[in-house]
Amino acid sequence: MLPSTTPYDEISRGAVRRAVASVLLEGGRPIAMIEAARGRRYPGDDRQAQYRASPVWHTKRDLDVIVAERLNLDADALLGPERKSSDFSNHTAKIISELRHKGVLQDWNADRQFGIWRVADAPRLLAYRDRWARSAERHIHAEPDAGFAVSDLNRAFLSILDHGSKDNTYKFALARALLDHCRDHADASDNPLEVPYVYFADKFMRYYFHQEYKFHIRQNFHPNKPPRAISILHASFGETAPGDLDLLDKRKVDEARDRFLAGIFGHARRKTSLVIPRFQNVRGGQSGGTAGAFYEYDDDAQMLTLRPAALAFLRRNHAVLSKAVLAEWAKFLERINPSLPMLVAKIERDEARRRPLTGYRRLYLRQWCHCFYCGDRLERGHIHVDHLIPWSYLFDDNAWNLVLACQDCNLKKG
């Protein structure tokens, strides 16, 4: 009689991570064998050519099958036609992505990303495997986590916003990122949810990029000493850049994300992460005995694990808590940017949208036929409706803020 398999939801995340690391460390196949099995050729990077014939290359499918077998999982059920959407496949993909991002794994072709990689830093991966093994053992022997009462979590969260560090806006950015992560994983179970630091690095980069380059919002009272997040942006993209990351070179964006990971969430200047440990340690004991209520973290593994009760609390109260975060963030920035209106909308990023202005063009042409700026008569096909006070400053499409302009004047105005 064959032994029964183990349900995937009974396997700890640490056990999966340990198994992935172990399989990667045991070696793989030469590129020629992978090509023969798949019936196609895979051109590689020149810098990887020396490893082509070495049995060091792994594919996602092979990795998933071996890891599932190691964990006594039903590989056929987990890796059938719907494997791309399975929790197990998503989890292993996330682990691989983290290891690639950290430089532990390297792609056979970094530009085309065929899903073929080799271990480039075995000592580091071995250290991760040992750490994940200890994490899996703690999961097996740990007592059930009853969590904190909702009232305790609510008090702790608001205390963080009200009484936490006043030096910069990082606590607001982290709170928003945690909430966004919980919203994006709304279909997950109420088990501890691992969030890699690279996720927060990406979110911080996007939050601050938008505020810096689109709306020019100052982040502290020292214009000659901006927060590290702004310094990283300037080092990555310069003093000026388009207000949309999607318009920039992907390699530059990836490099900027790496700088955020190292400079804000890494061991910068021989210190631990500048953000994660401080967030839930409110000064002056204001947290009411709930320090550490939201998550545990491992700076070396660059991983945060949400507590079950905190995950459920943040997910269920996402809407109201997000509004509280944005309001407190705007309140903080108003003291630094007293003449900048609509701060909440600017921080929220894509919530504010322009409305079509073609209807105003027809209406205004009935009363005016000259350019507001130069006074020249407007020519059909070259008539623009312009915001007198820039839309990016005021977010106002009402009639009082709109004028007709010729094409030349509107383009010069920018």
Protein backbone atom coordinates (compact mmCIF):
# COMPACT_ATOMS: atom_id res chain seq x y z
CA MET A 1 0.00 0.00 0.00
CA LEU A 2 1.42 3.41 -0.99
CA PRO A 3 1.86 5.96 1.80
CA SER A 4 -0.66 8.81 1.72
CA THR A 5 0.51 12.25 0.72
CA THR A 6 0.51 15.32 2.94
CA PRO A 7 -1.98 18.17 2.27
CA TYR A 8 -0.12 21.27 1.08
CA ASP A 9 -1.84 23.54 3.64
CA GLU A 10 -0.20 21.51 6.43
CA ILE A 11 3.30 22.29 5.17
CA SER A 12 5.01 25.33 6.69
CA ARG A 13 6.44 28.00 4.41
CA GLY A 14 9.82 27.49 6.04
CA ALA A 15 9.74 23.81 5.03
CA VAL A 16 9.01 24.72 1.40
CA ARG A 17 11.83 27.27 1.35
CA ARG A 18 14.26 24.77 2.90
CA ALA A 19 13.31 22.12 0.30
CA VAL A 20 13.76 24.56 -2.59
CA ALA A 21 17.21 25.54 -1.31
CA SER A 22 18.24 21.91 -0.84
CA VAL A 23 17.20 20.95 -4.37
CA LEU A 24 19.03 23.93 -5.86
CA LEU A 25 22.20 23.07 -3.94
CA GLU A 26 22.21 19.48 -5.23
CA GLY A 27 22.87 20.53 -8.82
CA GLY A 28 20.82 20.39 -11.99
CA ARG A 29 21.27 19.54 -15.67
CA PRO A 30 23.37 20.83 -18.59
CA ILE A 31 21.61 23.19 -20.97
CA ALA A 32 21.77 20.57 -23.75
CA MET A 33 19.67 18.14 -21.67
CA ILE A 34 17.06 20.82 -20.94
CA GLU A 35 16.91 21.70 -24.65
CA ALA A 36 16.53 18.04 -25.60
CA ALA A 37 13.73 17.52 -23.07
CA ARG A 38 11.84 20.57 -24.29
CA GLY A 39 12.59 20.20 -27.97
CA ARG A 40 13.92 23.72 -28.52
CA ARG A 41 17.09 25.76 -28.23
CA TYR A 42 17.74 28.41 -25.58
CA PRO A 43 20.37 31.03 -26.49
CA GLY A 44 22.22 32.17 -23.38
CA ASP A 45 24.20 35.18 -22.20
CA ASP A 46 27.88 35.31 -23.14
CA ARG A 47 28.84 35.51 -19.47
CA GLN A 48 27.04 32.20 -18.80
CA ALA A 49 28.50 30.32 -21.79
CA GLN A 50 31.28 28.75 -19.69
CA TYR A 51 28.63 26.94 -17.60
CA ARG A 52 26.60 25.62 -20.56
CA ALA A 53 27.85 22.03 -20.29
CA SER A 54 27.86 21.96 -16.47
CA PRO A 55 25.06 20.10 -14.64
CA VAL A 56 24.05 23.21 -12.71
CA TRP A 57 20.91 24.47 -14.49
CA HIS A 58 17.37 24.27 -13.09
CA THR A 59 13.91 24.82 -14.53
CA LYS A 60 10.76 25.71 -12.64
CA ARG A 61 8.88 22.54 -13.60
CA ASP A 62 11.73 20.23 -12.56
CA LEU A 63 12.20 22.11 -9.31
CA ASP A 64 8.49 21.94 -8.41
CA VAL A 65 8.30 18.19 -9.06
CA ILE A 66 11.34 17.38 -6.89
CA VAL A 67 10.31 19.76 -4.07
CA ALA A 68 6.79 18.29 -4.02
CA GLU A 69 8.23 14.77 -3.77
CA ARG A 70 10.59 15.81 -0.95
CA LEU A 71 7.66 17.20 1.02
CA ASN A 72 5.48 14.14 0.31
CA LEU A 73 2.99 16.27 -1.61
CA ASP A 74 0.73 15.08 -4.42
CA ALA A 75 2.80 16.42 -7.34
CA ASP A 76 0.22 15.42 -9.97
CA ALA A 77 -2.51 17.40 -8.22
CA LEU A 78 -0.27 20.41 -7.54
CA LEU A 79 1.42 20.50 -10.94
CA GLY A 80 -1.35 19.62 -13.34
CA PRO A 81 -2.73 21.89 -16.09
CA GLU A 82 -3.66 24.57 -13.53
CA ARG A 83 -0.23 24.62 -11.87
CA LYS A 84 0.37 28.29 -12.73
CA SER A 85 -2.39 29.34 -10.37
CA SER A 86 -1.75 26.84 -7.58
CA ASP A 87 -0.62 28.11 -4.17
CA PHE A 88 2.34 25.73 -4.22
CA SER A 89 3.60 26.87 -7.64
CA ASN A 90 3.09 30.51 -6.74
CA HIS A 91 5.04 30.02 -3.52
CA THR A 92 8.02 28.36 -5.19
CA ALA A 93 7.97 31.05 -7.91
CA LYS A 94 8.13 33.70 -5.21
CA ILE A 95 11.12 32.01 -3.57
CA ILE A 96 12.95 31.77 -6.91
CA SER A 97 12.20 35.41 -7.66
CA GLU A 98 13.65 36.50 -4.31
CA LEU A 99 16.82 34.43 -4.81
CA ARG A 100 17.28 35.80 -8.34
CA HIS A 101 16.80 39.34 -7.11
CA LYS A 102 19.41 38.82 -4.39
CA GLY A 103 21.94 37.48 -6.89
CA VAL A 104 21.92 33.98 -5.38
CA LEU A 105 20.57 32.62 -8.69
CA GLN A 106 21.54 33.81 -12.16
CA ASP A 107 19.55 33.40 -15.38
CA TRP A 108 20.84 31.53 -18.41
CA ASN A 109 19.55 34.55 -20.36
CA ALA A 110 18.83 37.60 -18.17
CA ASP A 111 17.10 39.55 -20.95
CA ARG A 112 14.77 36.84 -22.25
CA GLN A 113 14.33 35.03 -18.91
CA PHE A 114 13.57 31.51 -20.12
CA GLY A 115 13.06 30.29 -16.55
CA ILE A 116 16.43 28.54 -16.45
CA TRP A 117 18.88 29.44 -13.66
CA ARG A 118 21.93 28.25 -11.78
CA VAL A 119 23.18 28.84 -8.23
CA ALA A 120 25.74 31.67 -8.34
CA ASP A 121 26.29 32.07 -4.58
CA ALA A 122 26.19 28.63 -2.93
CA PRO A 123 27.50 29.74 0.52
CA ARG A 124 24.76 32.30 0.82
CA LEU A 125 22.08 29.85 -0.29
CA LEU A 126 23.40 27.32 2.23
CA ALA A 127 23.08 29.93 4.99
CA TYR A 128 19.50 30.64 3.89
CA ARG A 129 18.68 26.93 3.89
CA ASP A 130 19.94 26.49 7.46
CA ARG A 131 17.99 29.52 8.62
CA TRP A 132 14.82 28.31 6.90
CA ALA A 133 15.31 24.88 8.46
CA ARG A 134 15.31 26.47 11.92
CA SER A 135 12.20 28.44 10.95
CA ALA A 136 10.44 25.22 9.92
CA GLU A 137 11.34 23.57 13.24
CA ARG A 138 9.95 26.54 15.17
CA HIS A 139 6.72 26.21 13.17
CA ILE A 140 6.40 22.54 14.12
CA HIS A 141 6.93 23.08 17.83
CA ALA A 142 5.29 26.49 18.25
CA GLU A 143 2.14 26.93 20.28
CA PRO A 144 -0.91 28.15 18.34
CA ASP A 145 -0.85 31.93 17.94
CA ALA A 146 -4.06 33.34 19.39
CA GLY A 147 -3.06 36.85 18.31
CA PHE A 148 -4.30 40.10 19.80
CA ALA A 149 -7.81 41.39 20.17
CA VAL A 150 -9.07 43.65 17.39
CA SER A 151 -9.30 46.56 19.84
CA ASP A 152 -5.62 46.06 20.77
CA LEU A 153 -4.54 46.01 17.12
CA ASN A 154 -6.60 49.07 16.31
CA ARG A 155 -5.08 50.97 19.24
CA ALA A 156 -1.58 49.85 18.30
CA PHE A 157 -1.96 50.82 14.64
CA LEU A 158 -3.28 54.30 15.41
CA SER A 159 -0.56 54.78 18.06
CA ILE A 160 2.07 54.03 15.43
CA LEU A 161 0.60 56.72 13.17
CA ASP A 162 0.18 59.25 15.98
CA HIS A 163 3.19 58.64 18.22
CA GLY A 164 5.78 56.86 16.10
CA SER A 165 8.92 58.44 14.68
CA LYS A 166 8.50 62.01 13.45
CA ASP A 167 11.83 62.05 11.60
CA ASN A 168 10.50 61.03 8.19
CA THR A 169 7.49 59.52 6.41
CA TYR A 170 8.76 55.94 6.24
CA LYS A 171 6.28 54.65 8.81
CA PHE A 172 3.39 55.88 6.65
CA ALA A 173 4.89 54.26 3.55
CA LEU A 174 5.37 50.95 5.39
CA ALA A 175 1.84 51.05 6.82
CA ARG A 176 0.43 51.66 3.36
CA ALA A 177 2.53 48.88 1.84
CA LEU A 178 1.38 46.41 4.52
CA LEU A 179 -2.24 47.34 3.87
CA ASP A 180 -1.81 47.06 0.11
CA HIS A 181 -0.21 43.64 0.48
CA CYS A 182 -3.10 42.40 2.61
CA ARG A 183 -5.61 43.78 0.12
CA ASP A 184 -3.83 42.12 -2.80
CA HIS A 185 -3.89 38.78 -0.95
CA ALA A 186 -7.54 38.97 0.05
CA ASP A 187 -8.18 35.39 -1.05
CA ALA A 188 -5.41 33.93 1.11
CA SER A 189 -6.13 32.14 4.39
CA ASP A 190 -5.60 33.79 7.76
CA ASN A 191 -2.20 32.14 8.26
CA PRO A 192 1.05 34.05 8.76
CA LEU A 193 1.93 35.64 5.44
CA GLU A 194 5.56 36.07 4.46
CA VAL A 195 6.43 39.36 2.77
CA PRO A 196 9.95 39.77 1.34
CA TYR A 197 11.70 43.08 1.93
CA VAL A 198 12.03 43.51 -1.83
CA TYR A 199 8.25 43.98 -1.96
CA PHE A 200 8.54 46.95 0.40
CA ALA A 201 11.53 48.29 -1.53
CA ASP A 202 9.44 48.30 -4.69
CA LYS A 203 6.50 49.99 -2.97
CA PHE A 204 8.69 52.66 -1.38
CA MET A 205 10.33 53.38 -4.72
CA ARG A 206 6.94 53.87 -6.38
CA TYR A 207 5.39 55.93 -3.58
CA TYR A 208 8.31 58.34 -3.35
CA PHE A 209 8.97 58.49 -7.10
CA HIS A 210 5.43 59.71 -7.67
CA GLN A 211 5.62 62.33 -4.92
CA GLU A 212 9.08 63.55 -5.91
CA TYR A 213 8.90 63.76 -9.68
CA LYS A 214 5.20 64.34 -10.38
CA PHE A 215 4.30 66.70 -7.53
CA HIS A 216 7.68 67.79 -6.06
CA ILE A 217 6.58 67.20 -2.47
CA ARG A 218 9.33 67.86 0.09
CA GLN A 219 9.70 65.08 2.65
CA ASN A 220 11.50 66.88 5.50
CA PHE A 221 12.50 70.31 6.79
CA HIS A 222 16.10 70.06 5.53
CA PRO A 223 16.22 70.91 1.80
CA ASN A 224 19.96 70.22 1.68
CA LYS A 225 19.64 66.88 3.45
CA PRO A 226 16.72 64.96 1.94
CA PRO A 227 15.65 61.53 3.29
CA ARG A 228 17.58 58.54 1.98
CA ALA A 229 14.63 57.56 -0.24
CA ILE A 230 14.87 60.84 -2.15
CA SER A 231 18.66 60.64 -2.36
CA ILE A 232 18.34 57.16 -3.88
CA LEU A 233 15.84 58.44 -6.45
CA HIS A 234 18.16 61.31 -7.44
CA ALA A 235 21.12 58.95 -7.70
CA SER A 236 19.07 56.59 -9.87
CA PHE A 237 17.08 58.96 -12.10
CA GLY A 238 18.60 62.42 -11.65
CA GLU A 239 17.05 65.61 -10.29
CA THR A 240 14.24 65.53 -12.86
CA ALA A 241 12.40 62.61 -14.46
CA PRO A 242 9.02 61.84 -16.07
CA GLY A 243 6.27 61.44 -13.50
CA ASP A 244 5.65 57.82 -14.48
CA LEU A 245 8.03 54.92 -13.78
CA ASP A 246 6.66 53.02 -16.77
CA LEU A 247 8.29 55.60 -19.07
CA LEU A 248 11.78 54.80 -17.76
CA ASP A 249 14.30 52.14 -18.72
CA LYS A 250 13.49 48.89 -16.90
CA ARG A 251 17.13 48.29 -15.95
CA LYS A 252 17.29 51.69 -14.25
CA VAL A 253 14.10 50.92 -12.36
CA ASP A 254 15.45 47.54 -11.24
CA GLU A 255 18.71 49.16 -10.12
CA ALA A 256 16.78 51.78 -8.15
CA ARG A 257 14.76 49.04 -6.44
CA ASP A 258 17.99 47.32 -5.45
CA ARG A 259 19.26 50.58 -3.97
CA PHE A 260 16.08 50.97 -1.93
CA LEU A 261 16.43 47.40 -0.70
CA ALA A 262 20.04 47.93 0.36
CA GLY A 263 19.78 51.52 1.58
CA ILE A 264 16.48 51.42 3.49
CA PHE A 265 15.81 47.75 4.22
CA GLY A 266 19.36 46.41 4.34
CA HIS A 267 22.21 46.68 6.83
CA ALA A 268 23.10 50.20 5.74
CA ARG A 269 25.95 51.83 7.60
CA ARG A 270 26.33 48.74 9.82
CA LYS A 271 22.85 49.23 11.18
CA THR A 272 19.89 46.92 10.93
CA SER A 273 16.99 47.80 8.63
CA LEU A 274 16.03 51.43 9.12
CA VAL A 275 12.30 50.74 8.90
CA ILE A 276 11.00 47.28 9.76
CA PRO A 277 12.05 46.96 13.44
CA ARG A 278 11.15 50.54 14.35
CA PHE A 279 7.64 50.55 12.92
CA GLN A 280 5.89 48.67 15.72
CA ASN A 281 8.14 49.87 18.56
CA VAL A 282 6.36 53.09 19.50
CA ARG A 283 8.30 55.51 21.67
CA GLY A 284 7.09 56.21 25.16
CA GLY A 285 5.18 52.97 25.58
CA GLN A 286 2.20 54.28 23.66
CA SER A 287 1.44 50.91 22.07
CA GLY A 288 -0.28 49.70 25.22
CA GLY A 289 1.52 46.37 25.55
CA THR A 290 1.13 45.39 21.89
CA ALA A 291 4.71 45.91 20.70
CA GLY A 292 5.40 43.37 17.97
CA ALA A 293 1.68 42.78 17.45
CA PHE A 294 1.77 42.93 13.66
CA TYR A 295 4.71 40.87 12.50
CA GLU A 296 7.98 39.08 13.13
CA TYR A 297 10.97 39.76 10.91
CA ASP A 298 14.34 38.34 9.93
CA ASP A 299 16.71 41.04 8.68
CA ASP A 300 19.29 38.52 7.47
CA ALA A 301 16.74 36.64 5.37
CA GLN A 302 15.05 39.96 4.51
CA MET A 303 11.64 38.54 5.29
CA LEU A 304 8.68 39.81 7.31
CA THR A 305 5.97 37.42 8.56
CA LEU A 306 2.60 38.88 9.44
CA ARG A 307 0.88 37.46 12.51
CA PRO A 308 -2.46 35.73 11.77
CA ALA A 309 -4.57 38.16 13.78
CA ALA A 310 -2.78 41.16 12.26
CA LEU A 311 -3.22 39.83 8.73
CA ALA A 312 -6.95 39.41 9.28
CA PHE A 313 -7.24 42.84 10.93
CA LEU A 314 -5.39 44.70 8.14
CA ARG A 315 -7.29 42.87 5.42
CA ARG A 316 -10.75 43.43 6.86
CA ASN A 317 -10.14 47.07 7.71
CA HIS A 318 -8.13 48.02 4.65
CA ALA A 319 -10.37 50.87 3.47
CA VAL A 320 -10.65 52.78 6.75
CA LEU A 321 -7.04 52.19 7.81
CA SER A 322 -5.75 53.33 4.41
CA LYS A 323 -7.65 56.58 4.76
CA ALA A 324 -6.14 57.05 8.23
CA VAL A 325 -2.62 56.45 6.86
CA LEU A 326 -3.09 58.91 3.99
CA ALA A 327 -4.60 61.54 6.31
CA GLU A 328 -1.71 61.30 8.80
CA TRP A 329 0.84 61.25 5.98
CA ALA A 330 -0.70 64.42 4.50
CA LYS A 331 -0.85 66.07 7.93
CA PHE A 332 2.89 65.41 8.38
CA LEU A 333 3.71 66.83 4.93
CA GLU A 334 1.48 69.88 5.29
CA ARG A 335 3.88 71.30 7.89
CA ILE A 336 6.73 70.97 5.36
CA ASN A 337 4.72 72.01 2.28
CA PRO A 338 2.27 74.62 3.63
CA SER A 339 1.39 76.05 0.20
CA LEU A 340 0.77 72.72 -1.54
CA PRO A 341 -2.94 71.84 -1.76
CA MET A 342 -4.66 68.47 -2.24
CA LEU A 343 -1.89 66.51 -0.52
CA VAL A 344 -3.99 63.42 0.17
CA ALA A 345 -4.90 63.07 -3.51
CA LYS A 346 -1.26 63.55 -4.49
CA ILE A 347 -0.05 60.90 -2.07
CA GLU A 348 -2.75 58.49 -3.19
CA ARG A 349 -1.16 58.42 -6.62
CA ASP A 350 -3.52 57.24 -9.36
CA GLU A 351 -6.79 58.01 -7.60
CA ALA A 352 -7.07 61.49 -9.10
CA ARG A 353 -7.84 61.43 -12.84
CA ARG A 354 -8.36 64.15 -15.40
CA ARG A 355 -11.76 64.46 -16.99
CA PRO A 356 -12.18 64.94 -20.79
CA LEU A 357 -12.24 68.67 -21.60
CA THR A 358 -13.61 68.58 -25.17
CA GLY A 359 -17.04 69.72 -24.01
CA TYR A 360 -15.52 72.90 -22.57
CA ARG A 361 -13.85 73.67 -25.90
CA ARG A 362 -17.19 73.85 -27.73
CA LEU A 363 -18.79 75.84 -24.92
CA TYR A 364 -15.99 78.40 -24.65
CA LEU A 365 -15.72 78.93 -28.43
CA ARG A 366 -19.22 80.34 -28.38
CA GLN A 367 -17.94 83.22 -26.22
CA TRP A 368 -14.19 83.54 -26.91
CA CYS A 369 -12.20 83.06 -30.09
CA HIS A 370 -8.77 84.32 -28.97
CA CYS A 371 -5.89 82.70 -27.09
CA PHE A 372 -5.95 83.56 -23.39
CA TYR A 373 -2.16 84.02 -23.31
CA CYS A 374 -1.12 85.77 -26.55
CA GLY A 375 -4.45 87.15 -27.74
CA ASP A 376 -4.13 85.73 -31.29
CA ARG A 377 -7.21 84.41 -33.00
CA LEU A 378 -7.66 80.67 -32.49
CA GLU A 379 -7.36 78.42 -35.54
CA ARG A 380 -9.53 75.34 -35.97
CA GLY A 381 -7.56 72.20 -35.24
CA HIS A 382 -5.05 74.03 -33.03
CA ILE A 383 -7.25 74.96 -30.06
CA HIS A 384 -6.34 73.64 -26.60
CA VAL A 385 -8.27 73.78 -23.32
CA ASP A 386 -5.69 74.58 -20.65
CA HIS A 387 -5.66 74.58 -16.85
CA LEU A 388 -4.86 78.08 -15.66
CA ILE A 389 -3.52 76.64 -12.39
CA PRO A 390 -1.79 73.35 -13.35
CA TRP A 391 -3.95 70.28 -12.85
CA SER A 392 -1.06 68.45 -11.16
CA TYR A 393 -1.05 71.20 -8.50
CA LEU A 394 -4.77 71.57 -7.80
CA PHE A 395 -6.59 68.58 -9.40
CA ASP A 396 -9.36 70.95 -10.49
CA ASP A 397 -11.23 70.57 -13.80
CA ASN A 398 -13.94 73.12 -12.96
CA ALA A 399 -14.77 75.89 -15.45
CA TRP A 400 -13.12 78.66 -13.43
CA ASN A 401 -9.71 76.99 -13.86
CA LEU A 402 -9.99 76.43 -17.65
CA VAL A 403 -9.04 78.75 -20.54
CA LEU A 404 -8.68 78.42 -24.32
CA ALA A 405 -5.14 78.63 -25.69
CA CYS A 406 -3.44 78.25 -29.04
CA GLN A 407 -1.26 75.20 -29.52
CA ASP A 408 2.04 77.13 -29.37
CA CYS A 409 1.24 78.88 -26.07
CA ASN A 410 -0.06 75.73 -24.41
CA LEU A 411 3.00 73.68 -25.39
CA LYS A 412 5.37 76.44 -24.22
CA LYS A 413 3.51 76.58 -20.90
CA GLY A 414 4.12 72.83 -20.49
